[in-house]
Every structure is written in structure tokens, then in C-alpha cells.
Amino acid sequence: MKKLHVKRGDLVEVISGKDKGKQGKVVTAFPAAGKVVVEGVALVKKHQKARMQGQESGIITMEAAIDASNVLRVCSKCGKAARTGVKILEDGSKVRYCKKCQEVFND
């Protein structure tokens, strides 16, 4: 299983592709595939058939998965999209930090 630099709930910015510059929260992460689903990004239309009686069929808009390499986490301190690093603290715990301003993310 691969490790991703973003987790579910992180605020990220898209750095390449048709949605470049958009920001949103990571809804789902797929580490094995190296993909993430970001809120309001990579919207696709899906034709959905009614599965049960009373359920409506029609065309729905949903978010598609994009490659995790196309997003960067937005730092809460400097407000910019920045790469993340991992530090090991004195007590042995690992924390992620912003490589631009050295701010430690409190996950």
C-alpha cells in the first residue's frame, strides 16, 4: 500500500489539470490507487438508473477521483499550497509540517 501526502479532511489545492487553482476538502482517499476525491473538483455527470421502487433515476453530478500528485495541502498559517514533510518529535511521534513556513499541522 502506498502512502499519500494528504488525508481525508485536509484542505487541498489542485495544481494541475482542468480544475487547476480550485480548493476543496479531501472527501475520500484511495492510497492503493494513489487517488483522492476532492469536494467540488473534477465534477462528472453520471446516468443513474432507479434501483428500488420510489428511487428516482436521472443524471446526477458527482466528484471523480483525481491523482494525489495533482493536489497540495493548503497551510493554515501561510495560506498557500505547500509541500508537506514529516518530523519526528522528541517523544517519538510523527507530525506533518509545511515546508514553506515550517508550521506543524495539528491533525
PDB file of N, CA and C in Angstrom:
ATOM      1  N   MET A   1       0.837  -1.183   0.000  1.00  0.00           N
ATOM      2  CA  MET A   1       0.000   0.000   0.000  1.00  0.00           C
ATOM      3  C   MET A   1       0.884   1.250   0.000  1.00  0.00           C
ATOM      4  N   LYS A   2       0.530   2.204  -0.852  1.00  0.00           N
ATOM      5  CA  LYS A   2       1.285   3.451  -0.953  1.00  0.00           C
ATOM      6  C   LYS A   2       0.882   4.405   0.164  1.00  0.00           C
ATOM      7  N   LYS A   3       1.770   5.330   0.494  1.00  0.00           N
ATOM      8  CA  LYS A   3       1.457   6.386   1.450  1.00  0.00           C
ATOM      9  C   LYS A   3       1.145   7.652   0.658  1.00  0.00           C
ATOM     10  N   LEU A   4       0.093   8.338   1.062  1.00  0.00           N
ATOM     11  CA  LEU A   4      -0.268   9.601   0.429  1.00  0.00           C
ATOM     12  C   LEU A   4       0.153  10.763   1.319  1.00  0.00           C
ATOM     13  N   HIS A   5       0.412  11.909   0.696  1.00  0.00           N
ATOM     14  CA  HIS A   5       0.805  13.096   1.454  1.00  0.00           C
ATOM     15  C   HIS A   5      -0.402  13.880   1.955  1.00  0.00           C
ATOM     16  N   VAL A   6      -1.604  13.448   1.583  1.00  0.00           N
ATOM     17  CA  VAL A   6      -2.832  14.093   2.062  1.00  0.00           C
ATOM     18  C   VAL A   6      -3.737  13.039   2.688  1.00  0.00           C
ATOM     19  N   LYS A   7      -4.580  13.498   3.613  1.00  0.00           N
ATOM     20  CA  LYS A   7      -5.516  12.603   4.291  1.00  0.00           C
ATOM     21  C   LYS A   7      -6.928  13.136   4.116  1.00  0.00           C
ATOM     22  N   ARG A   8      -7.901  12.321   4.472  1.00  0.00           N
ATOM     23  CA  ARG A   8      -9.295  12.746   4.420  1.00  0.00           C
ATOM     24  C   ARG A   8      -9.493  13.918   5.381  1.00  0.00           C
ATOM     25  N   GLY A   9     -10.144  14.970   4.888  1.00  0.00           N
ATOM     26  CA  GLY A   9     -10.394  16.152   5.711  1.00  0.00           C
ATOM     27  C   GLY A   9      -9.413  17.288   5.480  1.00  0.00           C
ATOM     28  N   ASP A  10      -8.292  17.037   4.785  1.00  0.00           N
ATOM     29  CA  ASP A  10      -7.311  18.087   4.506  1.00  0.00           C
ATOM     30  C   ASP A  10      -7.861  19.075   3.477  1.00  0.00           C
ATOM     31  N   LEU A  11      -7.549  20.355   3.642  1.00  0.00           N
ATOM     32  CA  LEU A  11      -7.869  21.367   2.637  1.00  0.00           C
ATOM     33  C   LEU A  11      -6.740  21.357   1.622  1.00  0.00           C
ATOM     34  N   VAL A  12      -7.075  21.107   0.359  1.00  0.00           N
ATOM     35  CA  VAL A  12      -6.054  20.997  -0.684  1.00  0.00           C
ATOM     36  C   VAL A  12      -6.358  21.933  -1.842  1.00  0.00           C
ATOM     37  N   GLU A  13      -5.321  22.205  -2.648  1.00  0.00           N
ATOM     38  CA  GLU A  13      -5.462  22.994  -3.860  1.00  0.00           C
ATOM     39  C   GLU A  13      -4.989  22.150  -5.031  1.00  0.00           C
ATOM     40  N   VAL A  14      -5.746  22.193  -6.135  1.00  0.00           N
ATOM     41  CA  VAL A  14      -5.387  21.439  -7.333  1.00  0.00           C
ATOM     42  C   VAL A  14      -4.304  22.230  -8.069  1.00  0.00           C
ATOM     43  N   ILE A  15      -3.186  21.560  -8.408  1.00  0.00           N
ATOM     44  CA  ILE A  15      -2.065  22.259  -9.034  1.00  0.00           C
ATOM     45  C   ILE A  15      -1.914  21.956 -10.522  1.00  0.00           C
ATOM     46  N   SER A  16      -2.701  21.003 -11.050  1.00  0.00           N
ATOM     47  CA  SER A  16      -2.656  20.743 -12.489  1.00  0.00           C
ATOM     48  C   SER A  16      -3.968  20.126 -12.942  1.00  0.00           C
ATOM     49  N   GLY A  17      -4.237  20.238 -14.235  1.00  0.00           N
ATOM     50  CA  GLY A  17      -5.461  19.691 -14.807  1.00  0.00           C
ATOM     51  C   GLY A  17      -6.496  20.761 -15.063  1.00  0.00           C
ATOM     52  N   LYS A  18      -7.682  20.336 -15.439  1.00  0.00           N
ATOM     53  CA  LYS A  18      -8.734  21.286 -15.828  1.00  0.00           C
ATOM     54  C   LYS A  18      -9.251  22.118 -14.655  1.00  0.00           C
ATOM     55  N   ASP A  19      -9.078  21.644 -13.424  1.00  0.00           N
ATOM     56  CA  ASP A  19      -9.545  22.357 -12.238  1.00  0.00           C
ATOM     57  C   ASP A  19      -8.412  23.038 -11.485  1.00  0.00           C
ATOM     58  N   LYS A  20      -7.330  23.376 -12.178  1.00  0.00           N
ATOM     59  CA  LYS A  20      -6.165  23.994 -11.546  1.00  0.00           C
ATOM     60  C   LYS A  20      -6.559  25.277 -10.817  1.00  0.00           C
ATOM     61  N   GLY A  21      -6.091  25.409  -9.566  1.00  0.00           N
ATOM     62  CA  GLY A  21      -6.378  26.589  -8.761  1.00  0.00           C
ATOM     63  C   GLY A  21      -7.556  26.432  -7.819  1.00  0.00           C
ATOM     64  N   LYS A  22      -8.382  25.420  -8.018  1.00  0.00           N
ATOM     65  CA  LYS A  22      -9.536  25.220  -7.143  1.00  0.00           C
ATOM     66  C   LYS A  22      -9.100  24.603  -5.825  1.00  0.00           C
ATOM     67  N   GLN A  23      -9.826  24.951  -4.764  1.00  0.00           N
ATOM     68  CA  GLN A  23      -9.551  24.399  -3.443  1.00  0.00           C
ATOM     69  C   GLN A  23     -10.763  23.637  -2.942  1.00  0.00           C
ATOM     70  N   GLY A  24     -10.513  22.637  -2.110  1.00  0.00           N
ATOM     71  CA  GLY A  24     -11.599  21.865  -1.518  1.00  0.00           C
ATOM     72  C   GLY A  24     -11.055  20.869  -0.516  1.00  0.00           C
ATOM     73  N   LYS A  25     -11.953  20.281   0.247  1.00  0.00           N
ATOM     74  CA  LYS A  25     -11.558  19.278   1.242  1.00  0.00           C
ATOM     75  C   LYS A  25     -11.505  17.901   0.589  1.00  0.00           C
ATOM     76  N   VAL A  26     -10.578  17.071   1.086  1.00  0.00           N
ATOM     77  CA  VAL A  26     -10.478  15.696   0.610  1.00  0.00           C
ATOM     78  C   VAL A  26     -11.630  14.914   1.244  1.00  0.00           C
ATOM     79  N   VAL A  27     -12.502  14.373   0.388  1.00  0.00           N
ATOM     80  CA  VAL A  27     -13.657  13.609   0.852  1.00  0.00           C
ATOM     81  C   VAL A  27     -13.253  12.159   1.101  1.00  0.00           C
ATOM     82  N   THR A  28     -12.514  11.583   0.146  1.00  0.00           N
ATOM     83  CA  THR A  28     -12.080  10.195   0.232  1.00  0.00           C
ATOM     84  C   THR A  28     -10.672  10.081  -0.312  1.00  0.00           C
ATOM     85  N   ALA A  29      -9.885   9.208   0.286  1.00  0.00           N
ATOM     86  CA  ALA A  29      -8.531   8.924  -0.203  1.00  0.00           C
ATOM     87  C   ALA A  29      -8.428   7.444  -0.536  1.00  0.00           C
ATOM     88  N   PHE A  30      -7.800   7.137  -1.673  1.00  0.00           N
ATOM     89  CA  PHE A  30      -7.579   5.762  -2.100  1.00  0.00           C
ATOM     90  C   PHE A  30      -6.074   5.529  -2.196  1.00  0.00           C
ATOM     91  N   PRO A  31      -5.411   5.163  -1.081  1.00  0.00           N
ATOM     92  CA  PRO A  31      -3.953   5.008  -1.083  1.00  0.00           C
ATOM     93  C   PRO A  31      -3.439   3.949  -2.058  1.00  0.00           C
ATOM     94  N   ALA A  32      -4.168   2.856  -2.218  1.00  0.00           N
ATOM     95  CA  ALA A  32      -3.715   1.787  -3.114  1.00  0.00           C
ATOM     96  C   ALA A  32      -3.664   2.260  -4.562  1.00  0.00           C
ATOM     97  N   ALA A  33      -4.626   3.112  -4.944  1.00  0.00           N
ATOM     98  CA  ALA A  33      -4.670   3.630  -6.310  1.00  0.00           C
ATOM     99  C   ALA A  33      -3.920   4.951  -6.445  1.00  0.00           C
ATOM    100  N   GLY A  34      -3.576   5.598  -5.329  1.00  0.00           N
ATOM    101  CA  GLY A  34      -2.891   6.886  -5.367  1.00  0.00           C
ATOM    102  C   GLY A  34      -3.806   8.012  -5.804  1.00  0.00           C
ATOM    103  N   LYS A  35      -5.086   7.911  -5.476  1.00  0.00           N
ATOM    104  CA  LYS A  35      -6.065   8.912  -5.905  1.00  0.00           C
ATOM    105  C   LYS A  35      -6.831   9.476  -4.717  1.00  0.00           C
ATOM    106  N   VAL A  36      -7.398  10.669  -4.917  1.00  0.00           N
ATOM    107  CA  VAL A  36      -8.229  11.314  -3.909  1.00  0.00           C
ATOM    108  C   VAL A  36      -9.471  11.897  -4.575  1.00  0.00           C
ATOM    109  N   VAL A  37     -10.543  12.013  -3.796  1.00  0.00           N
ATOM    110  CA  VAL A  37     -11.759  12.687  -4.247  1.00  0.00           C
ATOM    111  C   VAL A  37     -11.834  13.996  -3.479  1.00  0.00           C
ATOM    112  N   VAL A  38     -11.884  15.118  -4.212  1.00  0.00           N
ATOM    113  CA  VAL A  38     -11.897  16.446  -3.598  1.00  0.00           C
ATOM    114  C   VAL A  38     -13.267  17.082  -3.828  1.00  0.00           C
ATOM    115  N   GLU A  39     -13.791  17.687  -2.770  1.00  0.00           N
ATOM    116  CA  GLU A  39     -15.106  18.327  -2.795  1.00  0.00           C
ATOM    117  C   GLU A  39     -15.154  19.443  -3.845  1.00  0.00           C
ATOM    118  N   GLY A  40     -16.084  19.353  -4.797  1.00  0.00           N
ATOM    119  CA  GLY A  40     -16.281  20.400  -5.799  1.00  0.00           C
ATOM    120  C   GLY A  40     -15.273  20.414  -6.929  1.00  0.00           C
ATOM    121  N   VAL A  41     -14.467  19.370  -7.063  1.00  0.00           N
ATOM    122  CA  VAL A  41     -13.425  19.305  -8.095  1.00  0.00           C
ATOM    123  C   VAL A  41     -13.654  18.061  -8.952  1.00  0.00           C
ATOM    124  N   ALA A  42     -13.345  18.149 -10.239  1.00  0.00           N
ATOM    125  CA  ALA A  42     -13.469  17.040 -11.191  1.00  0.00           C
ATOM    126  C   ALA A  42     -14.900  16.516 -11.227  1.00  0.00           C
ATOM    127  N   LEU A  43     -15.840  17.417 -11.450  1.00  0.00           N
ATOM    128  CA  LEU A  43     -17.247  17.042 -11.478  1.00  0.00           C
ATOM    129  C   LEU A  43     -17.575  16.323 -12.785  1.00  0.00           C
ATOM    130  N   VAL A  44     -18.273  15.193 -12.672  1.00  0.00           N
ATOM    131  CA  VAL A  44     -18.701  14.420 -13.838  1.00  0.00           C
ATOM    132  C   VAL A  44     -20.186  14.144 -13.713  1.00  0.00           C
ATOM    133  N   LYS A  45     -20.835  13.912 -14.858  1.00  0.00           N
ATOM    134  CA  LYS A  45     -22.255  13.581 -14.863  1.00  0.00           C
ATOM    135  C   LYS A  45     -22.390  12.070 -15.018  1.00  0.00           C
ATOM    136  N   LYS A  46     -23.280  11.489 -14.209  1.00  0.00           N
ATOM    137  CA  LYS A  46     -23.482  10.051 -14.230  1.00  0.00           C
ATOM    138  C   LYS A  46     -24.965   9.764 -14.450  1.00  0.00           C
ATOM    139  N   HIS A  47     -25.249   8.877 -15.392  1.00  0.00           N
ATOM    140  CA  HIS A  47     -26.624   8.461 -15.647  1.00  0.00           C
ATOM    141  C   HIS A  47     -26.938   7.334 -14.669  1.00  0.00           C
ATOM    142  N   GLN A  48     -27.889   7.577 -13.775  1.00  0.00           N
ATOM    143  CA  GLN A  48     -28.193   6.615 -12.731  1.00  0.00           C
ATOM    144  C   GLN A  48     -29.596   6.049 -12.922  1.00  0.00           C
ATOM    145  N   LYS A  49     -29.677   4.734 -12.883  1.00  0.00           N
ATOM    146  CA  LYS A  49     -30.949   4.043 -13.021  1.00  0.00           C
ATOM    147  C   LYS A  49     -31.536   3.827 -11.623  1.00  0.00           C
ATOM    148  N   ALA A  50     -32.865   3.897 -11.524  1.00  0.00           N
ATOM    149  CA  ALA A  50     -33.530   3.661 -10.241  1.00  0.00           C
ATOM    150  C   ALA A  50     -33.341   2.200  -9.855  1.00  0.00           C
ATOM    151  N   ARG A  51     -32.812   1.952  -8.661  1.00  0.00           N
ATOM    152  CA  ARG A  51     -32.551   0.582  -8.208  1.00  0.00           C
ATOM    153  C   ARG A  51     -33.728   0.003  -7.414  1.00  0.00           C
ATOM    154  N   MET A  52     -34.409   0.862  -6.669  1.00  0.00           N
ATOM    155  CA  MET A  52     -35.541   0.409  -5.865  1.00  0.00           C
ATOM    156  C   MET A  52     -36.770   1.221  -6.237  1.00  0.00           C
ATOM    157  N   GLN A  53     -37.915   0.673  -5.902  1.00  0.00           N
ATOM    158  CA  GLN A  53     -39.146   1.388  -6.182  1.00  0.00           C
ATOM    159  C   GLN A  53     -39.206   2.645  -5.324  1.00  0.00           C
ATOM    160  N   GLY A  54     -39.538   3.761  -5.928  1.00  0.00           N
ATOM    161  CA  GLY A  54     -39.585   5.024  -5.217  1.00  0.00           C
ATOM    162  C   GLY A  54     -38.323   5.856  -5.406  1.00  0.00           C
ATOM    163  N   GLN A  55     -37.223   5.208  -5.813  1.00  0.00           N
ATOM    164  CA  GLN A  55     -35.975   5.929  -6.073  1.00  0.00           C
ATOM    165  C   GLN A  55     -36.043   6.516  -7.475  1.00  0.00           C
ATOM    166  N   GLU A  56     -35.521   7.721  -7.636  1.00  0.00           N
ATOM    167  CA  GLU A  56     -35.577   8.370  -8.944  1.00  0.00           C
ATOM    168  C   GLU A  56     -34.351   8.043  -9.774  1.00  0.00           C
ATOM    169  N   SER A  57     -34.575   7.942 -11.074  1.00  0.00           N
ATOM    170  CA  SER A  57     -33.446   7.789 -11.983  1.00  0.00           C
ATOM    171  C   SER A  57     -33.207   9.143 -12.634  1.00  0.00           C
ATOM    172  N   GLY A  58     -32.031   9.319 -13.192  1.00  0.00           N
ATOM    173  CA  GLY A  58     -31.717  10.584 -13.841  1.00  0.00           C
ATOM    174  C   GLY A  58     -30.229  10.796 -13.941  1.00  0.00           C
ATOM    175  N   ILE A  59     -29.854  12.010 -14.298  1.00  0.00           N
ATOM    176  CA  ILE A  59     -28.447  12.364 -14.451  1.00  0.00           C
ATOM    177  C   ILE A  59     -28.026  13.095 -13.186  1.00  0.00           C
ATOM    178  N   ILE A  60     -27.020  12.552 -12.490  1.00  0.00           N
ATOM    179  CA  ILE A  60     -26.527  13.186 -11.267  1.00  0.00           C
ATOM    180  C   ILE A  60     -25.105  13.688 -11.493  1.00  0.00           C
ATOM    181  N   THR A  61     -24.732  14.730 -10.773  1.00  0.00           N
ATOM    182  CA  THR A  61     -23.377  15.271 -10.835  1.00  0.00           C
ATOM    183  C   THR A  61     -22.634  14.821  -9.595  1.00  0.00           C
ATOM    184  N   MET A  62     -21.448  14.255  -9.810  1.00  0.00           N
ATOM    185  CA  MET A  62     -20.654  13.765  -8.690  1.00  0.00           C
ATOM    186  C   MET A  62     -19.184  14.060  -8.921  1.00  0.00           C
ATOM    187  N   GLU A  63     -18.385  13.966  -7.845  1.00  0.00           N
ATOM    188  CA  GLU A  63     -16.951  14.203  -7.952  1.00  0.00           C
ATOM    189  C   GLU A  63     -16.249  12.917  -8.360  1.00  0.00           C
ATOM    190  N   ALA A  64     -15.308  13.040  -9.285  1.00  0.00           N
ATOM    191  CA  ALA A  64     -14.499  11.894  -9.704  1.00  0.00           C
ATOM    192  C   ALA A  64     -13.166  11.939  -8.969  1.00  0.00           C
ATOM    193  N   ALA A  65     -12.500  10.800  -8.901  1.00  0.00           N
ATOM    194  CA  ALA A  65     -11.192  10.720  -8.244  1.00  0.00           C
ATOM    195  C   ALA A  65     -10.130  11.326  -9.153  1.00  0.00           C
ATOM    196  N   ILE A  66      -9.199  12.073  -8.568  1.00  0.00           N
ATOM    197  CA  ILE A  66      -8.061  12.611  -9.313  1.00  0.00           C
ATOM    198  C   ILE A  66      -6.778  12.099  -8.666  1.00  0.00           C
ATOM    199  N   ASP A  67      -5.691  12.163  -9.387  1.00  0.00           N
ATOM    200  CA  ASP A  67      -4.423  11.663  -8.877  1.00  0.00           C
ATOM    201  C   ASP A  67      -3.950  12.526  -7.708  1.00  0.00           C
ATOM    202  N   ALA A  68      -3.434  11.879  -6.693  1.00  0.00           N
ATOM    203  CA  ALA A  68      -2.993  12.594  -5.485  1.00  0.00           C
ATOM    204  C   ALA A  68      -1.807  13.507  -5.770  1.00  0.00           C
ATOM    205  N   SER A  69      -1.053  13.225  -6.837  1.00  0.00           N
ATOM    206  CA  SER A  69       0.092  14.073  -7.167  1.00  0.00           C
ATOM    207  C   SER A  69      -0.335  15.425  -7.729  1.00  0.00           C
ATOM    208  N   ASN A  70      -1.610  15.565  -8.072  1.00  0.00           N
ATOM    209  CA  ASN A  70      -2.116  16.818  -8.624  1.00  0.00           C
ATOM    210  C   ASN A  70      -2.671  17.763  -7.568  1.00  0.00           C
ATOM    211  N   VAL A  71      -2.524  17.416  -6.285  1.00  0.00           N
ATOM    212  CA  VAL A  71      -3.007  18.289  -5.222  1.00  0.00           C
ATOM    213  C   VAL A  71      -1.904  18.550  -4.196  1.00  0.00           C
ATOM    214  N   LEU A  72      -1.966  19.732  -3.578  1.00  0.00           N
ATOM    215  CA  LEU A  72      -1.067  20.095  -2.489  1.00  0.00           C
ATOM    216  C   LEU A  72      -1.909  20.588  -1.323  1.00  0.00           C
ATOM    217  N   ARG A  73      -1.468  20.283  -0.119  1.00  0.00           N
ATOM    218  CA  ARG A  73      -2.178  20.732   1.072  1.00  0.00           C
ATOM    219  C   ARG A  73      -1.999  22.241   1.247  1.00  0.00           C
ATOM    220  N   VAL A  74      -3.074  22.919   1.660  1.00  0.00           N
ATOM    221  CA  VAL A  74      -3.035  24.356   1.917  1.00  0.00           C
ATOM    222  C   VAL A  74      -2.685  24.556   3.384  1.00  0.00           C
ATOM    223  N   CYS A  75      -1.631  25.319   3.637  1.00  0.00           N
ATOM    224  CA  CYS A  75      -1.176  25.593   5.002  1.00  0.00           C
ATOM    225  C   CYS A  75      -2.120  26.606   5.646  1.00  0.00           C
ATOM    226  N   SER A  76      -2.494  26.359   6.894  1.00  0.00           N
ATOM    227  CA  SER A  76      -3.406  27.268   7.590  1.00  0.00           C
ATOM    228  C   SER A  76      -2.705  28.552   8.029  1.00  0.00           C
ATOM    229  N   LYS A  77      -1.385  28.504   8.226  1.00  0.00           N
ATOM    230  CA  LYS A  77      -0.643  29.689   8.678  1.00  0.00           C
ATOM    231  C   LYS A  77      -0.321  30.623   7.516  1.00  0.00           C
ATOM    232  N   CYS A  78       0.355  30.087   6.473  1.00  0.00           N
ATOM    233  CA  CYS A  78       0.758  30.958   5.362  1.00  0.00           C
ATOM    234  C   CYS A  78      -0.321  31.066   4.288  1.00  0.00           C
ATOM    235  N   GLY A  79      -1.326  30.191   4.309  1.00  0.00           N
ATOM    236  CA  GLY A  79      -2.442  30.278   3.382  1.00  0.00           C
ATOM    237  C   GLY A  79      -2.132  29.868   1.962  1.00  0.00           C
ATOM    238  N   LYS A  80      -0.986  29.256   1.733  1.00  0.00           N
ATOM    239  CA  LYS A  80      -0.583  28.853   0.389  1.00  0.00           C
ATOM    240  C   LYS A  80      -0.513  27.338   0.294  1.00  0.00           C
ATOM    241  N   ALA A  81      -0.601  26.847  -0.937  1.00  0.00           N
ATOM    242  CA  ALA A  81      -0.420  25.417  -1.164  1.00  0.00           C
ATOM    243  C   ALA A  81       1.071  25.121  -1.040  1.00  0.00           C
ATOM    244  N   ALA A  82       1.413  24.158  -0.201  1.00  0.00           N
ATOM    245  CA  ALA A  82       2.821  23.854   0.044  1.00  0.00           C
ATOM    246  C   ALA A  82       3.018  22.352   0.185  1.00  0.00           C
ATOM    247  N   ARG A  83       4.230  21.929  -0.112  1.00  0.00           N
ATOM    248  CA  ARG A  83       4.563  20.520   0.099  1.00  0.00           C
ATOM    249  C   ARG A  83       4.616  20.249   1.595  1.00  0.00           C
ATOM    250  N   THR A  84       4.410  18.995   1.959  1.00  0.00           N
ATOM    251  CA  THR A  84       4.443  18.632   3.359  1.00  0.00           C
ATOM    252  C   THR A  84       5.609  17.702   3.626  1.00  0.00           C
ATOM    253  N   GLY A  85       6.126  17.791   4.829  1.00  0.00           N
ATOM    254  CA  GLY A  85       7.195  16.912   5.269  1.00  0.00           C
ATOM    255  C   GLY A  85       6.780  16.235   6.557  1.00  0.00           C
ATOM    256  N   VAL A  86       7.587  15.298   7.013  1.00  0.00           N
ATOM    257  CA  VAL A  86       7.299  14.579   8.250  1.00  0.00           C
ATOM    258  C   VAL A  86       8.455  14.792   9.214  1.00  0.00           C
ATOM    259  N   LYS A  87       8.134  15.212  10.443  1.00  0.00           N
ATOM    260  CA  LYS A  87       9.129  15.375  11.505  1.00  0.00           C
ATOM    261  C   LYS A  87       8.847  14.348  12.580  1.00  0.00           C
ATOM    262  N   ILE A  88       9.906  13.878  13.232  1.00  0.00           N
ATOM    263  CA  ILE A  88       9.745  13.003  14.378  1.00  0.00           C
ATOM    264  C   ILE A  88      10.082  13.829  15.614  1.00  0.00           C
ATOM    265  N   LEU A  89       9.112  13.976  16.503  1.00  0.00           N
ATOM    266  CA  LEU A  89       9.284  14.789  17.700  1.00  0.00           C
ATOM    267  C   LEU A  89      10.083  14.030  18.757  1.00  0.00           C
ATOM    268  N   GLU A  90      10.435  14.736  19.848  1.00  0.00           N
ATOM    269  CA  GLU A  90      11.243  14.143  20.917  1.00  0.00           C
ATOM    270  C   GLU A  90      10.576  12.920  21.549  1.00  0.00           C
ATOM    271  N   ASP A  91       9.225  12.962  21.627  1.00  0.00           N
ATOM    272  CA  ASP A  91       8.509  11.833  22.235  1.00  0.00           C
ATOM    273  C   ASP A  91       8.330  10.653  21.273  1.00  0.00           C
ATOM    274  N   GLY A  92       8.852  10.782  20.054  1.00  0.00           N
ATOM    275  CA  GLY A  92       8.803   9.690  19.089  1.00  0.00           C
ATOM    276  C   GLY A  92       7.612   9.720  18.155  1.00  0.00           C
ATOM    277  N   SER A  93       6.715  10.690  18.309  1.00  0.00           N
ATOM    278  CA  SER A  93       5.544  10.756  17.436  1.00  0.00           C
ATOM    279  C   SER A  93       5.882  11.483  16.138  1.00  0.00           C
ATOM    280  N   LYS A  94       5.196  11.078  15.063  1.00  0.00           N
ATOM    281  CA  LYS A  94       5.403  11.710  13.761  1.00  0.00           C
ATOM    282  C   LYS A  94       4.346  12.786  13.541  1.00  0.00           C
ATOM    283  N   VAL A  95       4.763  13.936  12.996  1.00  0.00           N
ATOM    284  CA  VAL A  95       3.831  15.005  12.646  1.00  0.00           C
ATOM    285  C   VAL A  95       4.172  15.516  11.253  1.00  0.00           C
ATOM    286  N   ARG A  96       3.133  15.999  10.548  1.00  0.00           N
ATOM    287  CA  ARG A  96       3.355  16.610   9.236  1.00  0.00           C
ATOM    288  C   ARG A  96       3.563  18.107   9.416  1.00  0.00           C
ATOM    289  N   TYR A  97       4.367  18.712   8.535  1.00  0.00           N
ATOM    290  CA  TYR A  97       4.613  20.149   8.630  1.00  0.00           C
ATOM    291  C   TYR A  97       4.700  20.765   7.238  1.00  0.00           C
ATOM    292  N   CYS A  98       4.494  22.096   7.179  1.00  0.00           N
ATOM    293  CA  CYS A  98       4.568  22.864   5.940  1.00  0.00           C
ATOM    294  C   CYS A  98       6.034  23.132   5.627  1.00  0.00           C
ATOM    295  N   LYS A  99       6.460  22.825   4.417  1.00  0.00           N
ATOM    296  CA  LYS A  99       7.860  23.029   4.055  1.00  0.00           C
ATOM    297  C   LYS A  99       8.176  24.487   3.729  1.00  0.00           C
ATOM    298  N   LYS A 100       7.132  25.353   3.591  1.00  0.00           N
ATOM    299  CA  LYS A 100       7.378  26.772   3.329  1.00  0.00           C
ATOM    300  C   LYS A 100       7.618  27.542   4.609  1.00  0.00           C
ATOM    301  N   CYS A 101       6.728  27.339   5.611  1.00  0.00           N
ATOM    302  CA  CYS A 101       6.829  28.143   6.827  1.00  0.00           C
ATOM    303  C   CYS A 101       7.176  27.321   8.071  1.00  0.00           C
ATOM    304  N   GLN A 102       7.416  26.024   7.892  1.00  0.00           N
ATOM    305  CA  GLN A 102       7.794  25.120   8.982  1.00  0.00           C
ATOM    306  C   GLN A 102       6.708  24.952  10.053  1.00  0.00           C
ATOM    307  N   GLU A 103       5.461  25.337   9.748  1.00  0.00           N
ATOM    308  CA  GLU A 103       4.358  25.197  10.690  1.00  0.00           C
ATOM    309  C   GLU A 103       3.943  23.740  10.795  1.00  0.00           C
ATOM    310  N   VAL A 104       3.798  23.239  12.020  1.00  0.00           N
ATOM    311  CA  VAL A 104       3.384  21.861  12.244  1.00  0.00           C
ATOM    312  C   VAL A 104       1.863  21.785  12.149  1.00  0.00           C
ATOM    313  N   PHE A 105       1.356  20.840  11.353  1.00  0.00           N
ATOM    314  CA  PHE A 105      -0.088  20.648  11.219  1.00  0.00           C
ATOM    315  C   PHE A 105      -0.584  19.860  12.409  1.00  0.00           C
ATOM    316  N   ASN A 106      -1.662  20.317  13.036  1.00  0.00           N
ATOM    317  CA  ASN A 106      -2.249  19.550  14.130  1.00  0.00           C
ATOM    318  C   ASN A 106      -3.408  18.735  13.562  1.00  0.00           C
ATOM    319  N   ASP A 107      -3.124  17.474  13.292  1.00  0.00           N
ATOM    320  CA  ASP A 107      -4.118  16.588  12.663  1.00  0.00           C
ATOM    321  C   ASP A 107      -5.046  16.010  13.696  1.00  0.00           C
TER     322      ASP A 107
END
